[in-house]
Structure formats: structure tokens, C-alpha cells
Amino acid sequence: MRQALRQLVSYALFGCVCSAVDMLVFLALATWARWDPLIANVVSVTVGLSLSFFLNRQHTFHVTDRPARRYAVFVCVGLCGMCVQELVIAALAAHAAPLFSTPLVSKLVALVSAGLMQFFLNRSVTFRQR
């Protein structure tokens, strides 16, 4: 239980760093470059996801074997998370009050929703020890 808590804290800290990178890329593309928010999200998630894999592989789960296979699984989990984010952003844009449909707020809500799901999948599938 102690290891799981340590991993959750580490995952959350790296998640904050990677989410900040994700958010900066997203805001740069969606706000300043005026890209469609859904397209900007795909690009920003890809950047944040790759950074997250390398940090969590080495420092959170301490699993360095089969990096290509684990990265492929991590990307699949990340793509599931991105789909959750896309659904949350689209739903908030279509049905939420104006405050919740802004790119920043909708992205934050989407990150938290997807992040929790991804931790449990990555811990139990991607970085599972044999």
C-alpha cells in the first residue's frame, strides 16, 4: 500500500509537469495560433504523453525492461485518456455555461478526468512487474 501511495504521488507530480507542458502547447495552439481546440488537444497530448512515459518509466515505476512494448501500451492508455479529454472538451463546449466552455477550464476538467483513469491503467497494465 505504501508503494502504491508513493507511486500515486510521484505520478501526480510528473503529471503536473507534463500537464503543464501539455497545457502550454494547447494554449499556444488553440489561443495564439487559433487552431481548433480538438486538433490542438491531439498535438498537446502527444507531447505531454511522451514526456510522461519517460519520466514515469524511470522515476515512478522503476521499470526499464521492454521499453518499446511498454511505450506502445502507454501510448494506447494515453490515447484512451485523450479520447476522454476530447469527449469532456466537446461536451463542455456544447452544453456547459460559458465559464466552463473556455479552452482553459475545459482542458483542466479533461486533464483531471483522464489523469485518474490513466494512473490506474498504467500502474496495473503498462508498468506491471512480472
N, C-alpha and C. Protein backbone atom coordinates (compact mmCIF):
# COMPACT_ATOMS: atom_id res chain seq x y z
N MET A 1 0.83 -1.19 0.00
CA MET A 1 0.00 0.00 0.00
C MET A 1 0.87 1.25 0.00
N ARG A 2 1.97 1.21 0.74
CA ARG A 2 2.88 2.35 0.82
C ARG A 2 3.49 2.64 -0.56
N GLN A 3 3.86 1.58 -1.27
CA GLN A 3 4.43 1.74 -2.61
C GLN A 3 3.41 2.36 -3.56
N ALA A 4 2.18 1.91 -3.48
CA ALA A 4 1.12 2.45 -4.34
C ALA A 4 0.90 3.94 -4.07
N LEU A 5 0.94 4.33 -2.81
CA LEU A 5 0.77 5.74 -2.46
C LEU A 5 1.93 6.57 -2.99
N ARG A 6 3.17 6.05 -2.82
CA ARG A 6 4.34 6.75 -3.33
C ARG A 6 4.25 6.90 -4.85
N GLN A 7 3.81 5.85 -5.51
CA GLN A 7 3.68 5.90 -6.97
C GLN A 7 2.61 6.91 -7.38
N LEU A 8 1.51 6.94 -6.66
CA LEU A 8 0.45 7.89 -6.97
C LEU A 8 0.94 9.33 -6.83
N VAL A 9 1.68 9.59 -5.75
CA VAL A 9 2.21 10.95 -5.54
C VAL A 9 3.21 11.30 -6.64
N SER A 10 4.12 10.39 -6.94
CA SER A 10 5.11 10.63 -7.99
C SER A 10 4.42 10.82 -9.34
N TYR A 11 3.46 9.95 -9.64
CA TYR A 11 2.71 10.05 -10.89
C TYR A 11 1.98 11.39 -10.98
N ALA A 12 1.41 11.82 -9.87
CA ALA A 12 0.70 13.10 -9.84
C ALA A 12 1.66 14.27 -10.06
N LEU A 13 2.84 14.21 -9.42
CA LEU A 13 3.81 15.29 -9.60
C LEU A 13 4.31 15.36 -11.04
N PHE A 14 4.68 14.21 -11.59
CA PHE A 14 5.09 14.21 -13.00
C PHE A 14 3.91 14.56 -13.89
N GLY A 15 2.73 14.15 -13.48
CA GLY A 15 1.53 14.51 -14.23
C GLY A 15 1.33 16.01 -14.29
N CYS A 16 1.63 16.68 -13.18
CA CYS A 16 1.52 18.15 -13.16
C CYS A 16 2.51 18.79 -14.12
N VAL A 17 3.74 18.30 -14.10
CA VAL A 17 4.77 18.83 -15.02
C VAL A 17 4.36 18.58 -16.47
N CYS A 18 3.98 17.35 -16.76
CA CYS A 18 3.62 17.00 -18.14
C CYS A 18 2.32 17.69 -18.56
N SER A 19 1.41 17.83 -17.62
CA SER A 19 0.17 18.55 -17.92
C SER A 19 0.42 20.03 -18.18
N ALA A 20 1.38 20.60 -17.45
CA ALA A 20 1.75 22.00 -17.70
C ALA A 20 2.32 22.15 -19.10
N VAL A 21 3.18 21.22 -19.49
CA VAL A 21 3.72 21.25 -20.85
C VAL A 21 2.58 21.07 -21.86
N ASP A 22 1.72 20.09 -21.59
CA ASP A 22 0.55 19.85 -22.44
C ASP A 22 -0.30 21.11 -22.54
N MET A 23 -0.57 21.72 -21.39
CA MET A 23 -1.42 22.92 -21.36
C MET A 23 -0.79 24.09 -22.12
N LEU A 24 0.51 24.29 -21.95
CA LEU A 24 1.18 25.37 -22.66
C LEU A 24 1.13 25.17 -24.17
N VAL A 25 1.37 23.95 -24.60
CA VAL A 25 1.29 23.66 -26.04
C VAL A 25 -0.15 23.86 -26.51
N PHE A 26 -1.11 23.36 -25.73
CA PHE A 26 -2.52 23.51 -26.10
C PHE A 26 -2.92 24.98 -26.21
N LEU A 27 -2.59 25.76 -25.19
CA LEU A 27 -2.96 27.17 -25.21
C LEU A 27 -2.27 27.93 -26.33
N ALA A 28 -1.02 27.59 -26.58
CA ALA A 28 -0.30 28.25 -27.68
C ALA A 28 -1.00 27.97 -29.00
N LEU A 29 -1.40 26.74 -29.20
CA LEU A 29 -2.03 26.38 -30.47
C LEU A 29 -3.48 26.87 -30.56
N ALA A 30 -4.26 26.66 -29.46
CA ALA A 30 -5.69 27.00 -29.51
C ALA A 30 -5.96 28.50 -29.37
N THR A 31 -5.15 29.17 -28.57
CA THR A 31 -5.40 30.59 -28.31
C THR A 31 -4.61 31.50 -29.24
N TRP A 32 -3.30 31.31 -29.24
CA TRP A 32 -2.45 32.22 -30.01
C TRP A 32 -2.43 31.88 -31.49
N ALA A 33 -2.34 30.60 -31.82
CA ALA A 33 -2.31 30.21 -33.24
C ALA A 33 -3.72 30.02 -33.79
N ARG A 34 -4.72 30.03 -32.90
CA ARG A 34 -6.13 29.91 -33.28
C ARG A 34 -6.46 28.60 -33.99
N TRP A 35 -5.82 27.52 -33.56
CA TRP A 35 -6.17 26.20 -34.07
C TRP A 35 -7.48 25.77 -33.43
N ASP A 36 -8.16 24.86 -34.07
CA ASP A 36 -9.35 24.24 -33.48
C ASP A 36 -8.93 23.55 -32.18
N PRO A 37 -9.66 23.75 -31.08
CA PRO A 37 -9.26 23.17 -29.80
C PRO A 37 -9.10 21.64 -29.82
N LEU A 38 -9.90 20.95 -30.59
CA LEU A 38 -9.77 19.49 -30.63
C LEU A 38 -8.48 19.05 -31.32
N ILE A 39 -8.08 19.77 -32.36
CA ILE A 39 -6.81 19.45 -33.04
C ILE A 39 -5.63 19.85 -32.15
N ALA A 40 -5.72 21.01 -31.53
CA ALA A 40 -4.66 21.45 -30.61
C ALA A 40 -4.50 20.46 -29.46
N ASN A 41 -5.60 19.89 -29.01
CA ASN A 41 -5.54 18.91 -27.93
C ASN A 41 -4.78 17.65 -28.34
N VAL A 42 -4.99 17.18 -29.54
CA VAL A 42 -4.29 15.98 -30.02
C VAL A 42 -2.78 16.22 -30.02
N VAL A 43 -2.35 17.37 -30.51
CA VAL A 43 -0.92 17.68 -30.56
C VAL A 43 -0.36 17.83 -29.15
N SER A 44 -1.05 18.57 -28.30
CA SER A 44 -0.52 18.81 -26.96
C SER A 44 -0.48 17.54 -26.12
N VAL A 45 -1.47 16.68 -26.28
CA VAL A 45 -1.48 15.42 -25.55
C VAL A 45 -0.31 14.54 -25.98
N THR A 46 0.00 14.52 -27.26
CA THR A 46 1.11 13.72 -27.76
C THR A 46 2.43 14.16 -27.14
N VAL A 47 2.64 15.45 -27.04
CA VAL A 47 3.86 15.98 -26.42
C VAL A 47 3.91 15.62 -24.94
N GLY A 48 2.84 15.88 -24.22
CA GLY A 48 2.80 15.58 -22.79
C GLY A 48 2.90 14.09 -22.50
N LEU A 49 2.29 13.29 -23.33
CA LEU A 49 2.30 11.83 -23.16
C LEU A 49 3.71 11.25 -23.30
N SER A 50 4.43 11.69 -24.28
CA SER A 50 5.79 11.19 -24.47
C SER A 50 6.70 11.56 -23.31
N LEU A 51 6.61 12.79 -22.86
CA LEU A 51 7.39 13.22 -21.71
C LEU A 51 7.01 12.40 -20.47
N SER A 52 5.74 12.19 -20.27
CA SER A 52 5.24 11.43 -19.12
C SER A 52 5.76 10.00 -19.11
N PHE A 53 5.80 9.36 -20.26
CA PHE A 53 6.30 7.99 -20.32
C PHE A 53 7.73 7.91 -19.80
N PHE A 54 8.59 8.74 -20.31
CA PHE A 54 9.99 8.67 -19.94
C PHE A 54 10.21 8.99 -18.46
N LEU A 55 9.50 9.97 -17.93
CA LEU A 55 9.64 10.31 -16.52
C LEU A 55 9.10 9.20 -15.61
N ASN A 56 7.90 8.72 -15.90
CA ASN A 56 7.29 7.71 -15.05
C ASN A 56 7.97 6.35 -15.15
N ARG A 57 8.43 6.00 -16.32
CA ARG A 57 9.13 4.73 -16.51
C ARG A 57 10.36 4.66 -15.61
N GLN A 58 11.10 5.73 -15.59
CA GLN A 58 12.36 5.75 -14.85
C GLN A 58 12.18 6.04 -13.36
N HIS A 59 11.33 7.00 -13.02
CA HIS A 59 11.31 7.52 -11.66
C HIS A 59 10.10 7.09 -10.82
N THR A 60 8.99 6.76 -11.44
CA THR A 60 7.81 6.38 -10.66
C THR A 60 7.72 4.87 -10.50
N PHE A 61 7.80 4.15 -11.63
CA PHE A 61 7.60 2.71 -11.59
C PHE A 61 8.91 1.92 -11.63
N HIS A 62 10.01 2.57 -11.94
CA HIS A 62 11.35 1.94 -11.96
C HIS A 62 11.35 0.67 -12.80
N VAL A 63 10.75 0.75 -13.96
CA VAL A 63 10.67 -0.40 -14.86
C VAL A 63 11.33 0.01 -16.17
N THR A 64 12.42 -0.65 -16.49
CA THR A 64 13.16 -0.25 -17.69
C THR A 64 13.24 -1.34 -18.76
N ASP A 65 12.67 -2.52 -18.49
CA ASP A 65 12.70 -3.58 -19.49
C ASP A 65 11.64 -3.33 -20.57
N ARG A 66 11.86 -3.90 -21.72
CA ARG A 66 10.93 -3.84 -22.87
C ARG A 66 10.37 -2.43 -23.11
N PRO A 67 11.25 -1.45 -23.32
CA PRO A 67 10.78 -0.07 -23.45
C PRO A 67 9.84 0.16 -24.64
N ALA A 68 10.09 -0.48 -25.77
CA ALA A 68 9.24 -0.26 -26.94
C ALA A 68 7.82 -0.79 -26.69
N ARG A 69 7.74 -1.98 -26.12
CA ARG A 69 6.42 -2.56 -25.83
C ARG A 69 5.67 -1.72 -24.79
N ARG A 70 6.39 -1.33 -23.74
CA ARG A 70 5.75 -0.53 -22.70
C ARG A 70 5.32 0.84 -23.23
N TYR A 71 6.14 1.42 -24.11
CA TYR A 71 5.75 2.71 -24.69
C TYR A 71 4.49 2.55 -25.53
N ALA A 72 4.40 1.46 -26.28
CA ALA A 72 3.20 1.22 -27.10
C ALA A 72 1.95 1.09 -26.23
N VAL A 73 2.07 0.37 -25.13
CA VAL A 73 0.93 0.23 -24.20
C VAL A 73 0.63 1.58 -23.56
N PHE A 74 1.66 2.30 -23.15
CA PHE A 74 1.49 3.62 -22.54
C PHE A 74 0.77 4.57 -23.50
N VAL A 75 1.15 4.51 -24.76
CA VAL A 75 0.50 5.35 -25.77
C VAL A 75 -0.97 4.96 -25.93
N CYS A 76 -1.25 3.66 -25.92
CA CYS A 76 -2.66 3.23 -26.01
C CYS A 76 -3.47 3.73 -24.82
N VAL A 77 -2.90 3.63 -23.62
CA VAL A 77 -3.57 4.17 -22.43
C VAL A 77 -3.73 5.68 -22.58
N GLY A 78 -2.69 6.33 -23.06
CA GLY A 78 -2.74 7.78 -23.28
C GLY A 78 -3.78 8.17 -24.31
N LEU A 79 -3.92 7.36 -25.36
CA LEU A 79 -4.94 7.64 -26.37
C LEU A 79 -6.34 7.48 -25.80
N CYS A 80 -6.51 6.50 -24.92
CA CYS A 80 -7.80 6.38 -24.22
C CYS A 80 -8.05 7.63 -23.38
N GLY A 81 -7.01 8.10 -22.71
CA GLY A 81 -7.12 9.33 -21.93
C GLY A 81 -7.43 10.53 -22.82
N MET A 82 -6.79 10.56 -23.98
CA MET A 82 -7.05 11.66 -24.91
C MET A 82 -8.50 11.62 -25.39
N CYS A 83 -9.03 10.43 -25.63
CA CYS A 83 -10.43 10.31 -26.04
C CYS A 83 -11.36 10.82 -24.94
N VAL A 84 -11.04 10.48 -23.69
CA VAL A 84 -11.82 11.01 -22.57
C VAL A 84 -11.74 12.53 -22.57
N GLN A 85 -10.54 13.07 -22.77
CA GLN A 85 -10.39 14.53 -22.83
C GLN A 85 -11.20 15.13 -23.97
N GLU A 86 -11.14 14.52 -25.12
CA GLU A 86 -11.89 15.03 -26.27
C GLU A 86 -13.39 15.08 -25.96
N LEU A 87 -13.90 14.00 -25.35
CA LEU A 87 -15.31 13.95 -25.00
C LEU A 87 -15.68 15.02 -23.98
N VAL A 88 -14.83 15.21 -22.98
CA VAL A 88 -15.10 16.23 -21.97
C VAL A 88 -15.06 17.63 -22.58
N ILE A 89 -14.05 17.91 -23.39
CA ILE A 89 -13.95 19.24 -24.03
C ILE A 89 -15.15 19.49 -24.94
N ALA A 90 -15.49 18.50 -25.74
CA ALA A 90 -16.64 18.66 -26.66
C ALA A 90 -17.94 18.85 -25.89
N ALA A 91 -18.13 18.05 -24.83
CA ALA A 91 -19.35 18.17 -24.03
C ALA A 91 -19.44 19.52 -23.34
N LEU A 92 -18.33 19.99 -22.79
CA LEU A 92 -18.35 21.30 -22.13
C LEU A 92 -18.57 22.43 -23.14
N ALA A 93 -17.99 22.30 -24.32
CA ALA A 93 -18.19 23.32 -25.35
C ALA A 93 -19.64 23.38 -25.81
N ALA A 94 -20.29 22.22 -25.86
CA ALA A 94 -21.66 22.16 -26.37
C ALA A 94 -22.72 22.44 -25.32
N HIS A 95 -22.46 22.06 -24.07
CA HIS A 95 -23.54 22.07 -23.08
C HIS A 95 -23.27 22.86 -21.81
N ALA A 96 -22.07 23.32 -21.60
CA ALA A 96 -21.75 23.97 -20.32
C ALA A 96 -21.99 25.47 -20.38
N ALA A 97 -22.03 26.06 -19.20
CA ALA A 97 -22.12 27.50 -19.09
C ALA A 97 -20.85 28.11 -19.70
N PRO A 98 -20.90 29.35 -20.14
CA PRO A 98 -19.74 29.96 -20.81
C PRO A 98 -18.42 29.83 -20.05
N LEU A 99 -18.45 29.91 -18.73
CA LEU A 99 -17.21 29.77 -17.95
C LEU A 99 -16.56 28.41 -18.18
N PHE A 100 -17.36 27.36 -18.23
CA PHE A 100 -16.83 26.01 -18.37
C PHE A 100 -16.52 25.64 -19.81
N SER A 101 -16.90 26.46 -20.75
CA SER A 101 -16.62 26.13 -22.15
C SER A 101 -15.39 26.86 -22.68
N THR A 102 -14.69 27.61 -21.82
CA THR A 102 -13.45 28.24 -22.26
C THR A 102 -12.38 27.16 -22.43
N PRO A 103 -11.44 27.35 -23.33
CA PRO A 103 -10.40 26.33 -23.54
C PRO A 103 -9.65 25.96 -22.27
N LEU A 104 -9.29 26.93 -21.44
CA LEU A 104 -8.51 26.64 -20.24
C LEU A 104 -9.29 25.78 -19.25
N VAL A 105 -10.49 26.16 -18.93
CA VAL A 105 -11.29 25.43 -17.94
C VAL A 105 -11.66 24.05 -18.46
N SER A 106 -12.07 23.96 -19.71
CA SER A 106 -12.44 22.65 -20.24
C SER A 106 -11.25 21.71 -20.29
N LYS A 107 -10.07 22.24 -20.60
CA LYS A 107 -8.87 21.42 -20.62
C LYS A 107 -8.51 20.94 -19.21
N LEU A 108 -8.63 21.79 -18.21
CA LEU A 108 -8.34 21.39 -16.83
C LEU A 108 -9.28 20.27 -16.35
N VAL A 109 -10.54 20.42 -16.62
CA VAL A 109 -11.51 19.38 -16.25
C VAL A 109 -11.19 18.08 -16.98
N ALA A 110 -10.83 18.18 -18.24
CA ALA A 110 -10.50 17.00 -19.03
C ALA A 110 -9.23 16.31 -18.52
N LEU A 111 -8.23 17.09 -18.13
CA LEU A 111 -6.97 16.53 -17.62
C LEU A 111 -7.18 15.73 -16.34
N VAL A 112 -7.95 16.25 -15.43
CA VAL A 112 -8.18 15.55 -14.16
C VAL A 112 -8.95 14.25 -14.42
N SER A 113 -9.98 14.32 -15.23
CA SER A 113 -10.78 13.13 -15.54
C SER A 113 -9.93 12.03 -16.15
N ALA A 114 -9.17 12.38 -17.16
CA ALA A 114 -8.35 11.39 -17.85
C ALA A 114 -7.16 10.94 -17.00
N GLY A 115 -6.58 11.83 -16.22
CA GLY A 115 -5.41 11.50 -15.43
C GLY A 115 -5.65 10.40 -14.41
N LEU A 116 -6.77 10.42 -13.74
CA LEU A 116 -7.07 9.38 -12.77
C LEU A 116 -7.22 8.02 -13.44
N MET A 117 -7.92 8.00 -14.55
CA MET A 117 -8.10 6.75 -15.28
C MET A 117 -6.74 6.20 -15.74
N GLN A 118 -5.90 7.07 -16.24
CA GLN A 118 -4.61 6.66 -16.77
C GLN A 118 -3.68 6.12 -15.68
N PHE A 119 -3.70 6.70 -14.48
CA PHE A 119 -2.84 6.18 -13.42
C PHE A 119 -3.16 4.72 -13.14
N PHE A 120 -4.42 4.42 -12.96
CA PHE A 120 -4.79 3.04 -12.61
C PHE A 120 -4.48 2.08 -13.75
N LEU A 121 -4.68 2.48 -14.98
CA LEU A 121 -4.34 1.61 -16.11
C LEU A 121 -2.83 1.44 -16.25
N ASN A 122 -2.09 2.52 -16.11
CA ASN A 122 -0.63 2.41 -16.24
C ASN A 122 -0.02 1.59 -15.10
N ARG A 123 -0.53 1.77 -13.92
CA ARG A 123 0.01 1.01 -12.78
C ARG A 123 -0.29 -0.48 -12.93
N SER A 124 -1.49 -0.81 -13.37
CA SER A 124 -1.89 -2.22 -13.41
C SER A 124 -1.55 -2.92 -14.72
N VAL A 125 -1.32 -2.18 -15.79
CA VAL A 125 -1.07 -2.80 -17.09
C VAL A 125 0.30 -2.43 -17.63
N THR A 126 0.54 -1.17 -17.90
CA THR A 126 1.75 -0.72 -18.59
C THR A 126 3.03 -1.06 -17.83
N PHE A 127 3.06 -0.73 -16.55
CA PHE A 127 4.29 -0.90 -15.77
C PHE A 127 4.20 -2.04 -14.76
N ARG A 128 3.30 -2.96 -15.00
CA ARG A 128 3.17 -4.12 -14.11
C ARG A 128 4.46 -4.93 -14.15
N GLN A 129 4.93 -5.31 -12.99
CA GLN A 129 6.13 -6.14 -12.88
C GLN A 129 5.72 -7.60 -13.05
N ARG A 130 6.58 -8.36 -13.67
CA ARG A 130 6.29 -9.79 -13.82
C ARG A 130 6.54 -10.51 -12.53
